[in-house]
Amino acid sequence: MKYKKLAIFGIITYILQVISSAQNSGGEYTMPPILIIVSGLASLTFMILAVVYLWKTQKLTSSLYLIFTLISLINYSPFIRIVNFVIFLWVISLLWAMAKYEKLSQNSEKNTNINLK
């Protein structure tokens, strides 16, 4: 999975998380359990892939994202939510930027191969 596709997948998983966490006034979830399960699995998949893809270049960011995502499973205080969201946005922006860099590097390789022939 390329960086841009992974960034888009991350945005979709975040939207899916928000939709699946809807509750009524009694505190009960209004969405079907299967949607909640799919949302959780998609979020877990994105977290693992983002950490793997960013590990070589951004070890600190990927470590922080992993740590705060795991902390948010245990303690979902407003502070943790805000920090987790900011790190999520940073991860998405890094993936998007790496997609642009990857495209430039591929174009550079093509130009080098053409010049060598």
PDB file of N, CA and C in Angstrom:
ATOM      1  N   MET A   1       0.854  -1.177   0.000  1.00  0.00           N
ATOM      2  CA  MET A   1       0.000   0.000   0.000  1.00  0.00           C
ATOM      3  C   MET A   1       0.897   1.235   0.000  1.00  0.00           C
ATOM      4  N   LYS A   2       0.647   2.134  -0.900  1.00  0.00           N
ATOM      5  CA  LYS A   2       1.460   3.333  -1.006  1.00  0.00           C
ATOM      6  C   LYS A   2       1.055   4.336   0.064  1.00  0.00           C
ATOM      7  N   TYR A   3       1.887   5.326   0.236  1.00  0.00           N
ATOM      8  CA  TYR A   3       1.700   6.303   1.309  1.00  0.00           C
ATOM      9  C   TYR A   3       0.400   7.092   1.175  1.00  0.00           C
ATOM     10  N   LYS A   4       0.091   7.544  -0.035  1.00  0.00           N
ATOM     11  CA  LYS A   4      -1.115   8.353  -0.232  1.00  0.00           C
ATOM     12  C   LYS A   4      -2.370   7.513   0.040  1.00  0.00           C
ATOM     13  N   LYS A   5      -2.368   6.292  -0.435  1.00  0.00           N
ATOM     14  CA  LYS A   5      -3.509   5.405  -0.191  1.00  0.00           C
ATOM     15  C   LYS A   5      -3.654   5.129   1.300  1.00  0.00           C
ATOM     16  N   LEU A   6      -2.538   4.985   1.987  1.00  0.00           N
ATOM     17  CA  LEU A   6      -2.580   4.746   3.429  1.00  0.00           C
ATOM     18  C   LEU A   6      -3.118   5.969   4.168  1.00  0.00           C
ATOM     19  N   ALA A   7      -2.738   7.165   3.720  1.00  0.00           N
ATOM     20  CA  ALA A   7      -3.254   8.389   4.338  1.00  0.00           C
ATOM     21  C   ALA A   7      -4.769   8.500   4.137  1.00  0.00           C
ATOM     22  N   ILE A   8      -5.234   8.198   2.935  1.00  0.00           N
ATOM     23  CA  ILE A   8      -6.674   8.231   2.662  1.00  0.00           C
ATOM     24  C   ILE A   8      -7.392   7.169   3.489  1.00  0.00           C
ATOM     25  N   PHE A   9      -6.801   5.994   3.601  1.00  0.00           N
ATOM     26  CA  PHE A   9      -7.376   4.935   4.433  1.00  0.00           C
ATOM     27  C   PHE A   9      -7.474   5.387   5.891  1.00  0.00           C
ATOM     28  N   GLY A  10      -6.466   6.108   6.373  1.00  0.00           N
ATOM     29  CA  GLY A  10      -6.500   6.627   7.739  1.00  0.00           C
ATOM     30  C   GLY A  10      -7.616   7.625   7.956  1.00  0.00           C
ATOM     31  N   ILE A  11      -7.833   8.493   6.991  1.00  0.00           N
ATOM     32  CA  ILE A  11      -8.925   9.468   7.091  1.00  0.00           C
ATOM     33  C   ILE A  11     -10.272   8.752   7.107  1.00  0.00           C
ATOM     34  N   ILE A  12     -10.410   7.752   6.251  1.00  0.00           N
ATOM     35  CA  ILE A  12     -11.667   6.985   6.207  1.00  0.00           C
ATOM     36  C   ILE A  12     -11.893   6.249   7.518  1.00  0.00           C
ATOM     37  N   THR A  13     -10.834   5.678   8.093  1.00  0.00           N
ATOM     38  CA  THR A  13     -11.011   4.969   9.366  1.00  0.00           C
ATOM     39  C   THR A  13     -11.398   5.929  10.481  1.00  0.00           C
ATOM     40  N   TYR A  14     -10.860   7.150  10.448  1.00  0.00           N
ATOM     41  CA  TYR A  14     -11.234   8.120  11.479  1.00  0.00           C
ATOM     42  C   TYR A  14     -12.707   8.504  11.348  1.00  0.00           C
ATOM     43  N   ILE A  15     -13.157   8.738  10.125  1.00  0.00           N
ATOM     44  CA  ILE A  15     -14.568   9.059   9.901  1.00  0.00           C
ATOM     45  C   ILE A  15     -15.441   7.892  10.340  1.00  0.00           C
ATOM     46  N   LEU A  16     -15.016   6.687  10.034  1.00  0.00           N
ATOM     47  CA  LEU A  16     -15.765   5.495  10.443  1.00  0.00           C
ATOM     48  C   LEU A  16     -15.818   5.370  11.965  1.00  0.00           C
ATOM     49  N   GLN A  17     -14.733   5.722  12.646  1.00  0.00           N
ATOM     50  CA  GLN A  17     -14.728   5.712  14.116  1.00  0.00           C
ATOM     51  C   GLN A  17     -15.749   6.686  14.674  1.00  0.00           C
ATOM     52  N   VAL A  18     -15.795   7.881  14.105  1.00  0.00           N
ATOM     53  CA  VAL A  18     -16.733   8.894  14.579  1.00  0.00           C
ATOM     54  C   VAL A  18     -18.167   8.438  14.353  1.00  0.00           C
ATOM     55  N   ILE A  19     -18.444   7.885  13.174  1.00  0.00           N
ATOM     56  CA  ILE A  19     -19.805   7.424  12.866  1.00  0.00           C
ATOM     57  C   ILE A  19     -20.208   6.277  13.783  1.00  0.00           C
ATOM     58  N   SER A  20     -19.308   5.346  14.008  1.00  0.00           N
ATOM     59  CA  SER A  20     -19.656   4.165  14.802  1.00  0.00           C
ATOM     60  C   SER A  20     -19.732   4.448  16.299  1.00  0.00           C
ATOM     61  N   SER A  21     -19.232   5.598  16.741  1.00  0.00           N
ATOM     62  CA  SER A  21     -19.279   5.895  18.176  1.00  0.00           C
ATOM     63  C   SER A  21     -20.512   6.694  18.576  1.00  0.00           C
ATOM     64  N   ALA A  22     -21.483   6.841  17.672  1.00  0.00           N
ATOM     65  CA  ALA A  22     -22.703   7.589  17.984  1.00  0.00           C
ATOM     66  C   ALA A  22     -23.492   6.881  19.087  1.00  0.00           C
ATOM     67  N   GLN A  23     -23.960   7.672  20.054  1.00  0.00           N
ATOM     68  CA  GLN A  23     -24.737   7.138  21.176  1.00  0.00           C
ATOM     69  C   GLN A  23     -26.024   7.933  21.326  1.00  0.00           C
ATOM     70  N   ASN A  24     -27.042   7.275  21.890  1.00  0.00           N
ATOM     71  CA  ASN A  24     -28.275   7.989  22.180  1.00  0.00           C
ATOM     72  C   ASN A  24     -28.183   8.642  23.561  1.00  0.00           C
ATOM     73  N   SER A  25     -29.259   9.254  24.002  1.00  0.00           N
ATOM     74  CA  SER A  25     -29.212   9.980  25.282  1.00  0.00           C
ATOM     75  C   SER A  25     -29.020   9.048  26.475  1.00  0.00           C
ATOM     76  N   GLY A  26     -29.301   7.759  26.306  1.00  0.00           N
ATOM     77  CA  GLY A  26     -29.104   6.790  27.377  1.00  0.00           C
ATOM     78  C   GLY A  26     -27.689   6.237  27.428  1.00  0.00           C
ATOM     79  N   GLY A  27     -26.840   6.622  26.487  1.00  0.00           N
ATOM     80  CA  GLY A  27     -25.462   6.150  26.467  1.00  0.00           C
ATOM     81  C   GLY A  27     -25.264   4.855  25.724  1.00  0.00           C
ATOM     82  N   GLU A  28     -26.299   4.387  25.014  1.00  0.00           N
ATOM     83  CA  GLU A  28     -26.194   3.148  24.249  1.00  0.00           C
ATOM     84  C   GLU A  28     -25.783   3.472  22.820  1.00  0.00           C
ATOM     85  N   TYR A  29     -24.985   2.585  22.251  1.00  0.00           N
ATOM     86  CA  TYR A  29     -24.555   2.784  20.872  1.00  0.00           C
ATOM     87  C   TYR A  29     -25.740   2.618  19.933  1.00  0.00           C
ATOM     88  N   THR A  30     -25.819   3.497  18.938  1.00  0.00           N
ATOM     89  CA  THR A  30     -26.927   3.451  17.992  1.00  0.00           C
ATOM     90  C   THR A  30     -26.569   2.694  16.716  1.00  0.00           C
ATOM     91  N   MET A  31     -25.314   2.458  16.480  1.00  0.00           N
ATOM     92  CA  MET A  31     -24.879   1.753  15.280  1.00  0.00           C
ATOM     93  C   MET A  31     -24.840   0.246  15.537  1.00  0.00           C
ATOM     94  N   PRO A  32     -24.979  -0.536  14.461  1.00  0.00           N
ATOM     95  CA  PRO A  32     -24.916  -1.991  14.624  1.00  0.00           C
ATOM     96  C   PRO A  32     -23.539  -2.435  15.118  1.00  0.00           C
ATOM     97  N   PRO A  33     -23.503  -3.509  15.891  1.00  0.00           N
ATOM     98  CA  PRO A  33     -22.216  -3.991  16.415  1.00  0.00           C
ATOM     99  C   PRO A  33     -21.204  -4.337  15.327  1.00  0.00           C
ATOM    100  N   ILE A  34     -21.675  -4.796  14.166  1.00  0.00           N
ATOM    101  CA  ILE A  34     -20.733  -5.160  13.099  1.00  0.00           C
ATOM    102  C   ILE A  34     -19.990  -3.927  12.590  1.00  0.00           C
ATOM    103  N   LEU A  35     -20.665  -2.769  12.548  1.00  0.00           N
ATOM    104  CA  LEU A  35     -20.004  -1.542  12.118  1.00  0.00           C
ATOM    105  C   LEU A  35     -18.945  -1.116  13.130  1.00  0.00           C
ATOM    106  N   ILE A  36     -19.224  -1.311  14.401  1.00  0.00           N
ATOM    107  CA  ILE A  36     -18.260  -0.981  15.447  1.00  0.00           C
ATOM    108  C   ILE A  36     -17.045  -1.900  15.353  1.00  0.00           C
ATOM    109  N   ILE A  37     -17.273  -3.168  15.080  1.00  0.00           N
ATOM    110  CA  ILE A  37     -16.174  -4.132  14.945  1.00  0.00           C
ATOM    111  C   ILE A  37     -15.327  -3.812  13.708  1.00  0.00           C
ATOM    112  N   VAL A  38     -15.975  -3.516  12.593  1.00  0.00           N
ATOM    113  CA  VAL A  38     -15.246  -3.173  11.362  1.00  0.00           C
ATOM    114  C   VAL A  38     -14.429  -1.908  11.579  1.00  0.00           C
ATOM    115  N   SER A  39     -15.013  -0.933  12.276  1.00  0.00           N
ATOM    116  CA  SER A  39     -14.300   0.312  12.568  1.00  0.00           C
ATOM    117  C   SER A  39     -13.062   0.049  13.423  1.00  0.00           C
ATOM    118  N   GLY A  40     -13.202  -0.785  14.423  1.00  0.00           N
ATOM    119  CA  GLY A  40     -12.071  -1.119  15.282  1.00  0.00           C
ATOM    120  C   GLY A  40     -10.973  -1.851  14.535  1.00  0.00           C
ATOM    121  N   LEU A  41     -11.349  -2.792  13.692  1.00  0.00           N
ATOM    122  CA  LEU A  41     -10.361  -3.545  12.915  1.00  0.00           C
ATOM    123  C   LEU A  41      -9.662  -2.656  11.887  1.00  0.00           C
ATOM    124  N   ALA A  42     -10.422  -1.762  11.254  1.00  0.00           N
ATOM    125  CA  ALA A  42      -9.819  -0.844  10.289  1.00  0.00           C
ATOM    126  C   ALA A  42      -8.847   0.105  10.985  1.00  0.00           C
ATOM    127  N   SER A  43      -9.217   0.584  12.166  1.00  0.00           N
ATOM    128  CA  SER A  43      -8.334   1.480  12.920  1.00  0.00           C
ATOM    129  C   SER A  43      -7.061   0.767  13.353  1.00  0.00           C
ATOM    130  N   LEU A  44      -7.201  -0.467  13.800  1.00  0.00           N
ATOM    131  CA  LEU A  44      -6.040  -1.257  14.203  1.00  0.00           C
ATOM    132  C   LEU A  44      -5.125  -1.512  13.002  1.00  0.00           C
ATOM    133  N   THR A  45      -5.724  -1.827  11.856  1.00  0.00           N
ATOM    134  CA  THR A  45      -4.941  -2.050  10.640  1.00  0.00           C
ATOM    135  C   THR A  45      -4.186  -0.791  10.240  1.00  0.00           C
ATOM    136  N   PHE A  46      -4.872   0.363  10.293  1.00  0.00           N
ATOM    137  CA  PHE A  46      -4.200   1.609   9.939  1.00  0.00           C
ATOM    138  C   PHE A  46      -3.061   1.902  10.898  1.00  0.00           C
ATOM    139  N   MET A  47      -3.300   1.707  12.192  1.00  0.00           N
ATOM    140  CA  MET A  47      -2.259   2.001  13.174  1.00  0.00           C
ATOM    141  C   MET A  47      -1.010   1.159  12.901  1.00  0.00           C
ATOM    142  N   ILE A  48      -1.197  -0.124  12.671  1.00  0.00           N
ATOM    143  CA  ILE A  48      -0.055  -1.011  12.430  1.00  0.00           C
ATOM    144  C   ILE A  48       0.669  -0.630  11.144  1.00  0.00           C
ATOM    145  N   LEU A  49      -0.083  -0.408  10.059  1.00  0.00           N
ATOM    146  CA  LEU A  49       0.549  -0.048   8.785  1.00  0.00           C
ATOM    147  C   LEU A  49       1.249   1.299   8.862  1.00  0.00           C
ATOM    148  N   ALA A  50       0.641   2.274   9.530  1.00  0.00           N
ATOM    149  CA  ALA A  50       1.270   3.593   9.637  1.00  0.00           C
ATOM    150  C   ALA A  50       2.572   3.506  10.424  1.00  0.00           C
ATOM    151  N   VAL A  51       2.572   2.748  11.507  1.00  0.00           N
ATOM    152  CA  VAL A  51       3.793   2.603  12.299  1.00  0.00           C
ATOM    153  C   VAL A  51       4.869   1.894  11.490  1.00  0.00           C
ATOM    154  N   VAL A  52       4.502   0.863  10.753  1.00  0.00           N
ATOM    155  CA  VAL A  52       5.480   0.129   9.936  1.00  0.00           C
ATOM    156  C   VAL A  52       6.043   1.023   8.835  1.00  0.00           C
ATOM    157  N   TYR A  53       5.181   1.761   8.136  1.00  0.00           N
ATOM    158  CA  TYR A  53       5.641   2.598   7.024  1.00  0.00           C
ATOM    159  C   TYR A  53       6.480   3.781   7.502  1.00  0.00           C
ATOM    160  N   LEU A  54       6.167   4.322   8.670  1.00  0.00           N
ATOM    161  CA  LEU A  54       6.888   5.498   9.152  1.00  0.00           C
ATOM    162  C   LEU A  54       8.107   5.161  10.002  1.00  0.00           C
ATOM    163  N   TRP A  55       8.288   3.897  10.335  1.00  0.00           N
ATOM    164  CA  TRP A  55       9.328   3.524  11.293  1.00  0.00           C
ATOM    165  C   TRP A  55      10.736   3.901  10.818  1.00  0.00           C
ATOM    166  N   LYS A  56      11.044   3.720   9.550  1.00  0.00           N
ATOM    167  CA  LYS A  56      12.398   3.992   9.064  1.00  0.00           C
ATOM    168  C   LYS A  56      12.760   5.466   9.151  1.00  0.00           C
ATOM    169  N   THR A  57      11.813   6.336   8.817  1.00  0.00           N
ATOM    170  CA  THR A  57      12.131   7.768   8.743  1.00  0.00           C
ATOM    171  C   THR A  57      11.673   8.560   9.951  1.00  0.00           C
ATOM    172  N   GLN A  58      10.623   8.128  10.625  1.00  0.00           N
ATOM    173  CA  GLN A  58      10.025   8.896  11.722  1.00  0.00           C
ATOM    174  C   GLN A  58       9.776   7.990  12.931  1.00  0.00           C
ATOM    175  N   LYS A  59      10.840   7.546  13.554  1.00  0.00           N
ATOM    176  CA  LYS A  59      10.688   6.629  14.689  1.00  0.00           C
ATOM    177  C   LYS A  59       9.976   7.285  15.867  1.00  0.00           C
ATOM    178  N   LEU A  60      10.282   8.539  16.137  1.00  0.00           N
ATOM    179  CA  LEU A  60       9.649   9.225  17.267  1.00  0.00           C
ATOM    180  C   LEU A  60       8.150   9.392  17.032  1.00  0.00           C
ATOM    181  N   THR A  61       7.774   9.835  15.852  1.00  0.00           N
ATOM    182  CA  THR A  61       6.356  10.032  15.549  1.00  0.00           C
ATOM    183  C   THR A  61       5.602   8.718  15.589  1.00  0.00           C
ATOM    184  N   SER A  62       6.161   7.689  14.984  1.00  0.00           N
ATOM    185  CA  SER A  62       5.464   6.402  14.981  1.00  0.00           C
ATOM    186  C   SER A  62       5.382   5.816  16.388  1.00  0.00           C
ATOM    187  N   SER A  63       6.411   6.020  17.202  1.00  0.00           N
ATOM    188  CA  SER A  63       6.365   5.544  18.588  1.00  0.00           C
ATOM    189  C   SER A  63       5.304   6.293  19.386  1.00  0.00           C
ATOM    190  N   LEU A  64       5.265   7.620  19.229  1.00  0.00           N
ATOM    191  CA  LEU A  64       4.252   8.414  19.933  1.00  0.00           C
ATOM    192  C   LEU A  64       2.840   8.030  19.504  1.00  0.00           C
ATOM    193  N   TYR A  65       2.667   7.828  18.203  1.00  0.00           N
ATOM    194  CA  TYR A  65       1.341   7.431  17.712  1.00  0.00           C
ATOM    195  C   TYR A  65       0.925   6.088  18.307  1.00  0.00           C
ATOM    196  N   LEU A  66       1.825   5.137  18.319  1.00  0.00           N
ATOM    197  CA  LEU A  66       1.529   3.822  18.882  1.00  0.00           C
ATOM    198  C   LEU A  66       1.229   3.917  20.370  1.00  0.00           C
ATOM    199  N   ILE A  67       2.040   4.647  21.105  1.00  0.00           N
ATOM    200  CA  ILE A  67       1.867   4.758  22.559  1.00  0.00           C
ATOM    201  C   ILE A  67       0.554   5.446  22.905  1.00  0.00           C
ATOM    202  N   PHE A  68       0.280   6.585  22.282  1.00  0.00           N
ATOM    203  CA  PHE A  68      -0.940   7.315  22.628  1.00  0.00           C
ATOM    204  C   PHE A  68      -2.196   6.609  22.137  1.00  0.00           C
ATOM    205  N   THR A  69      -2.104   5.855  21.063  1.00  0.00           N
ATOM    206  CA  THR A  69      -3.263   5.071  20.637  1.00  0.00           C
ATOM    207  C   THR A  69      -3.546   3.964  21.639  1.00  0.00           C
ATOM    208  N   LEU A  70      -2.504   3.328  22.137  1.00  0.00           N
ATOM    209  CA  LEU A  70      -2.700   2.283  23.142  1.00  0.00           C
ATOM    210  C   LEU A  70      -3.174   2.866  24.470  1.00  0.00           C
ATOM    211  N   ILE A  71      -2.670   4.042  24.838  1.00  0.00           N
ATOM    212  CA  ILE A  71      -3.130   4.697  26.064  1.00  0.00           C
ATOM    213  C   ILE A  71      -4.602   5.077  25.944  1.00  0.00           C
ATOM    214  N   SER A  72      -5.023   5.499  24.749  1.00  0.00           N
ATOM    215  CA  SER A  72      -6.419   5.904  24.574  1.00  0.00           C
ATOM    216  C   SER A  72      -7.377   4.729  24.716  1.00  0.00           C
ATOM    217  N   LEU A  73      -6.886   3.517  24.564  1.00  0.00           N
ATOM    218  CA  LEU A  73      -7.735   2.353  24.805  1.00  0.00           C
ATOM    219  C   LEU A  73      -8.036   2.175  26.285  1.00  0.00           C
ATOM    220  N   ILE A  74      -7.102   2.609  27.135  1.00  0.00           N
ATOM    221  CA  ILE A  74      -7.242   2.453  28.577  1.00  0.00           C
ATOM    222  C   ILE A  74      -7.854   3.695  29.215  1.00  0.00           C
ATOM    223  N   ASN A  75      -7.304   4.855  28.881  1.00  0.00           N
ATOM    224  CA  ASN A  75      -7.720   6.112  29.497  1.00  0.00           C
ATOM    225  C   ASN A  75      -8.130   7.073  28.388  1.00  0.00           C
ATOM    226  N   TYR A  76      -9.405   7.349  28.278  1.00  0.00           N
ATOM    227  CA  TYR A  76      -9.901   8.193  27.196  1.00  0.00           C
ATOM    228  C   TYR A  76     -10.297   9.565  27.710  1.00  0.00           C
ATOM    229  N   SER A  77      -9.374  10.203  28.397  1.00  0.00           N
ATOM    230  CA  SER A  77      -9.627  11.542  28.927  1.00  0.00           C
ATOM    231  C   SER A  77      -9.573  12.561  27.790  1.00  0.00           C
ATOM    232  N   PRO A  78     -10.125  13.758  27.997  1.00  0.00           N
ATOM    233  CA  PRO A  78     -10.079  14.786  26.942  1.00  0.00           C
ATOM    234  C   PRO A  78      -8.658  15.137  26.506  1.00  0.00           C
ATOM    235  N   PHE A  79      -7.716  15.174  27.441  1.00  0.00           N
ATOM    236  CA  PHE A  79      -6.332  15.469  27.091  1.00  0.00           C
ATOM    237  C   PHE A  79      -5.762  14.407  26.152  1.00  0.00           C
ATOM    238  N   ILE A  80      -5.998  13.151  26.469  1.00  0.00           N
ATOM    239  CA  ILE A  80      -5.512  12.050  25.634  1.00  0.00           C
ATOM    240  C   ILE A  80      -6.163  12.113  24.254  1.00  0.00           C
ATOM    241  N   ARG A  81      -7.453  12.434  24.197  1.00  0.00           N
ATOM    242  CA  ARG A  81      -8.143  12.561  22.911  1.00  0.00           C
ATOM    243  C   ARG A  81      -7.501  13.629  22.037  1.00  0.00           C
ATOM    244  N   ILE A  82      -7.211  14.782  22.636  1.00  0.00           N
ATOM    245  CA  ILE A  82      -6.622  15.885  21.880  1.00  0.00           C
ATOM    246  C   ILE A  82      -5.228  15.518  21.383  1.00  0.00           C
ATOM    247  N   VAL A  83      -4.405  14.971  22.269  1.00  0.00           N
ATOM    248  CA  VAL A  83      -3.037  14.582  21.880  1.00  0.00           C
ATOM    249  C   VAL A  83      -3.082  13.508  20.796  1.00  0.00           C
ATOM    250  N   ASN A  84      -3.953  12.535  20.952  1.00  0.00           N
ATOM    251  CA  ASN A  84      -4.070  11.456  19.979  1.00  0.00           C
ATOM    252  C   ASN A  84      -4.516  12.004  18.618  1.00  0.00           C
ATOM    253  N   PHE A  85      -5.450  12.952  18.627  1.00  0.00           N
ATOM    254  CA  PHE A  85      -5.919  13.538  17.374  1.00  0.00           C
ATOM    255  C   PHE A  85      -4.819  14.354  16.687  1.00  0.00           C
ATOM    256  N   VAL A  86      -4.055  15.116  17.460  1.00  0.00           N
ATOM    257  CA  VAL A  86      -2.960  15.908  16.888  1.00  0.00           C
ATOM    258  C   VAL A  86      -1.894  14.991  16.292  1.00  0.00           C
ATOM    259  N   ILE A  87      -1.549  13.927  16.997  1.00  0.00           N
ATOM    260  CA  ILE A  87      -0.554  12.981  16.469  1.00  0.00           C
ATOM    261  C   ILE A  87      -1.098  12.283  15.225  1.00  0.00           C
ATOM    262  N   PHE A  88      -2.399  11.960  15.238  1.00  0.00           N
ATOM    263  CA  PHE A  88      -3.026  11.350  14.058  1.00  0.00           C
ATOM    264  C   PHE A  88      -2.909  12.282  12.851  1.00  0.00           C
ATOM    265  N   LEU A  89      -3.208  13.564  13.042  1.00  0.00           N
ATOM    266  CA  LEU A  89      -3.083  14.532  11.950  1.00  0.00           C
ATOM    267  C   LEU A  89      -1.641  14.629  11.469  1.00  0.00           C
ATOM    268  N   TRP A  90      -0.696  14.574  12.400  1.00  0.00           N
ATOM    269  CA  TRP A  90       0.717  14.627  12.031  1.00  0.00           C
ATOM    270  C   TRP A  90       1.104  13.391  11.209  1.00  0.00           C
ATOM    271  N   VAL A  91       0.615  12.230  11.606  1.00  0.00           N
ATOM    272  CA  VAL A  91       0.906  10.997  10.871  1.00  0.00           C
ATOM    273  C   VAL A  91       0.322  11.082   9.456  1.00  0.00           C
ATOM    274  N   ILE A  92      -0.911  11.567   9.338  1.00  0.00           N
ATOM    275  CA  ILE A  92      -1.537  11.701   8.023  1.00  0.00           C
ATOM    276  C   ILE A  92      -0.739  12.669   7.146  1.00  0.00           C
ATOM    277  N   SER A  93      -0.325  13.791   7.730  1.00  0.00           N
ATOM    278  CA  SER A  93       0.435  14.765   6.935  1.00  0.00           C
ATOM    279  C   SER A  93       1.796  14.205   6.519  1.00  0.00           C
ATOM    280  N   LEU A  94       2.432  13.437   7.391  1.00  0.00           N
ATOM    281  CA  LEU A  94       3.705  12.807   7.022  1.00  0.00           C
ATOM    282  C   LEU A  94       3.523  11.800   5.897  1.00  0.00           C
ATOM    283  N   LEU A  95       2.473  10.991   5.985  1.00  0.00           N
ATOM    284  CA  LEU A  95       2.219  10.015   4.923  1.00  0.00           C
ATOM    285  C   LEU A  95       1.948  10.716   3.599  1.00  0.00           C
ATOM    286  N   TRP A  96       1.195  11.816   3.660  1.00  0.00           N
ATOM    287  CA  TRP A  96       0.887  12.568   2.441  1.00  0.00           C
ATOM    288  C   TRP A  96       2.166  13.162   1.841  1.00  0.00           C
ATOM    289  N   ALA A  97       3.012  13.711   2.707  1.00  0.00           N
ATOM    290  CA  ALA A  97       4.269  14.300   2.236  1.00  0.00           C
ATOM    291  C   ALA A  97       5.196  13.225   1.680  1.00  0.00           C
ATOM    292  N   MET A  98       5.222  12.076   2.308  1.00  0.00           N
ATOM    293  CA  MET A  98       6.078  10.994   1.809  1.00  0.00           C
ATOM    294  C   MET A  98       5.578  10.483   0.461  1.00  0.00           C
ATOM    295  N   ALA A  99       4.273  10.566   0.210  1.00  0.00           N
ATOM    296  CA  ALA A  99       3.740  10.177  -1.095  1.00  0.00           C
ATOM    297  C   ALA A  99       4.248  11.118  -2.178  1.00  0.00           C
ATOM    298  N   LYS A 100       4.297  12.422  -1.863  1.00  0.00           N
ATOM    299  CA  LYS A 100       4.827  13.381  -2.835  1.00  0.00           C
ATOM    300  C   LYS A 100       6.313  13.144  -3.070  1.00  0.00           C
ATOM    301  N   TYR A 101       7.051  12.877  -2.007  1.00  0.00           N
ATOM    302  CA  TYR A 101       8.486  12.611  -2.130  1.00  0.00           C
ATOM    303  C   TYR A 101       8.727  11.345  -2.947  1.00  0.00           C
ATOM    304  N   GLU A 102       7.912  10.333  -2.719  1.00  0.00           N
ATOM    305  CA  GLU A 102       8.054   9.076  -3.444  1.00  0.00           C
ATOM    306  C   GLU A 102       7.814   9.294  -4.941  1.00  0.00           C
ATOM    307  N   LYS A 103       6.821  10.105  -5.273  1.00  0.00           N
ATOM    308  CA  LYS A 103       6.529  10.389  -6.679  1.00  0.00           C
ATOM    309  C   LYS A 103       7.685  11.148  -7.327  1.00  0.00           C
ATOM    310  N   LEU A 104       8.240  12.132  -6.613  1.00  0.00           N
ATOM    311  CA  LEU A 104       9.382  12.881  -7.145  1.00  0.00           C
ATOM    312  C   LEU A 104      10.589  11.972  -7.340  1.00  0.00           C
ATOM    313  N   SER A 105      10.804  11.084  -6.404  1.00  0.00           N
ATOM    314  CA  SER A 105      11.951  10.188  -6.508  1.00  0.00           C
ATOM    315  C   SER A 105      11.781   9.209  -7.663  1.00  0.00           C
ATOM    316  N   GLN A 106      10.564   8.750  -7.912  1.00  0.00           N
ATOM    317  CA  GLN A 106      10.323   7.855  -9.052  1.00  0.00           C
ATOM    318  C   GLN A 106      10.545   8.585 -10.368  1.00  0.00           C
ATOM    319  N   ASN A 107      10.089   9.840 -10.435  1.00  0.00           N
ATOM    320  CA  ASN A 107      10.311  10.626 -11.653  1.00  0.00           C
ATOM    321  C   ASN A 107      11.795  10.872 -11.872  1.00  0.00           C
ATOM    322  N   SER A 108      12.515  11.105 -10.814  1.00  0.00           N
ATOM    323  CA  SER A 108      13.955  11.321 -10.914  1.00  0.00           C
ATOM    324  C   SER A 108      14.659  10.070 -11.412  1.00  0.00           C
ATOM    325  N   GLU A 109      14.231   8.898 -10.915  1.00  0.00           N
ATOM    326  CA  GLU A 109      14.824   7.646 -11.366  1.00  0.00           C
ATOM    327  C   GLU A 109      14.542   7.408 -12.843  1.00  0.00           C
ATOM    328  N   LYS A 110      13.329   7.731 -13.287  1.00  0.00           N
ATOM    329  CA  LYS A 110      12.990   7.553 -14.707  1.00  0.00           C
ATOM    330  C   LYS A 110      13.858   8.456 -15.571  1.00  0.00           C
ATOM    331  N   ASN A 111      14.042   9.710 -15.141  1.00  0.00           N
ATOM    332  CA  ASN A 111      14.871  10.638 -15.908  1.00  0.00           C
ATOM    333  C   ASN A 111      16.319  10.179 -15.944  1.00  0.00           C
ATOM    334  N   THR A 112      16.808   9.629 -14.850  1.00  0.00           N
ATOM    335  CA  THR A 112      18.177   9.131 -14.806  1.00  0.00           C
ATOM    336  C   THR A 112      18.334   7.941 -15.742  1.00  0.00           C
ATOM    337  N   ASN A 113      17.358   7.052 -15.760  1.00  0.00           N
ATOM    338  CA  ASN A 113      17.424   5.879 -16.641  1.00  0.00           C
ATOM    339  C   ASN A 113      17.367   6.290 -18.099  1.00  0.00           C
ATOM    340  N   ILE A 114      16.595   7.295 -18.422  1.00  0.00           N
ATOM    341  CA  ILE A 114      16.503   7.764 -19.802  1.00  0.00           C
ATOM    342  C   ILE A 114      17.830   8.371 -20.236  1.00  0.00           C
ATOM    343  N   ASN A 115      18.442   9.152 -19.346  1.00  0.00           N
ATOM    344  CA  ASN A 115      19.724   9.802 -19.674  1.00  0.00           C
ATOM    345  C   ASN A 115      20.864   8.812 -19.811  1.00  0.00           C
ATOM    346  N   LEU A 116      20.787   7.696 -19.102  1.00  0.00           N
ATOM    347  CA  LEU A 116      21.851   6.701 -19.170  1.00  0.00           C
ATOM    348  C   LEU A 116      21.821   5.878 -20.439  1.00  0.00           C
ATOM    349  N   LYS A 117      20.682   5.790 -21.075  1.00  0.00           N
ATOM    350  CA  LYS A 117      20.555   4.942 -22.269  1.00  0.00           C
ATOM    351  C   LYS A 117      21.049   5.608 -23.501  1.00  0.00           C
TER     352      LYS A 117
END
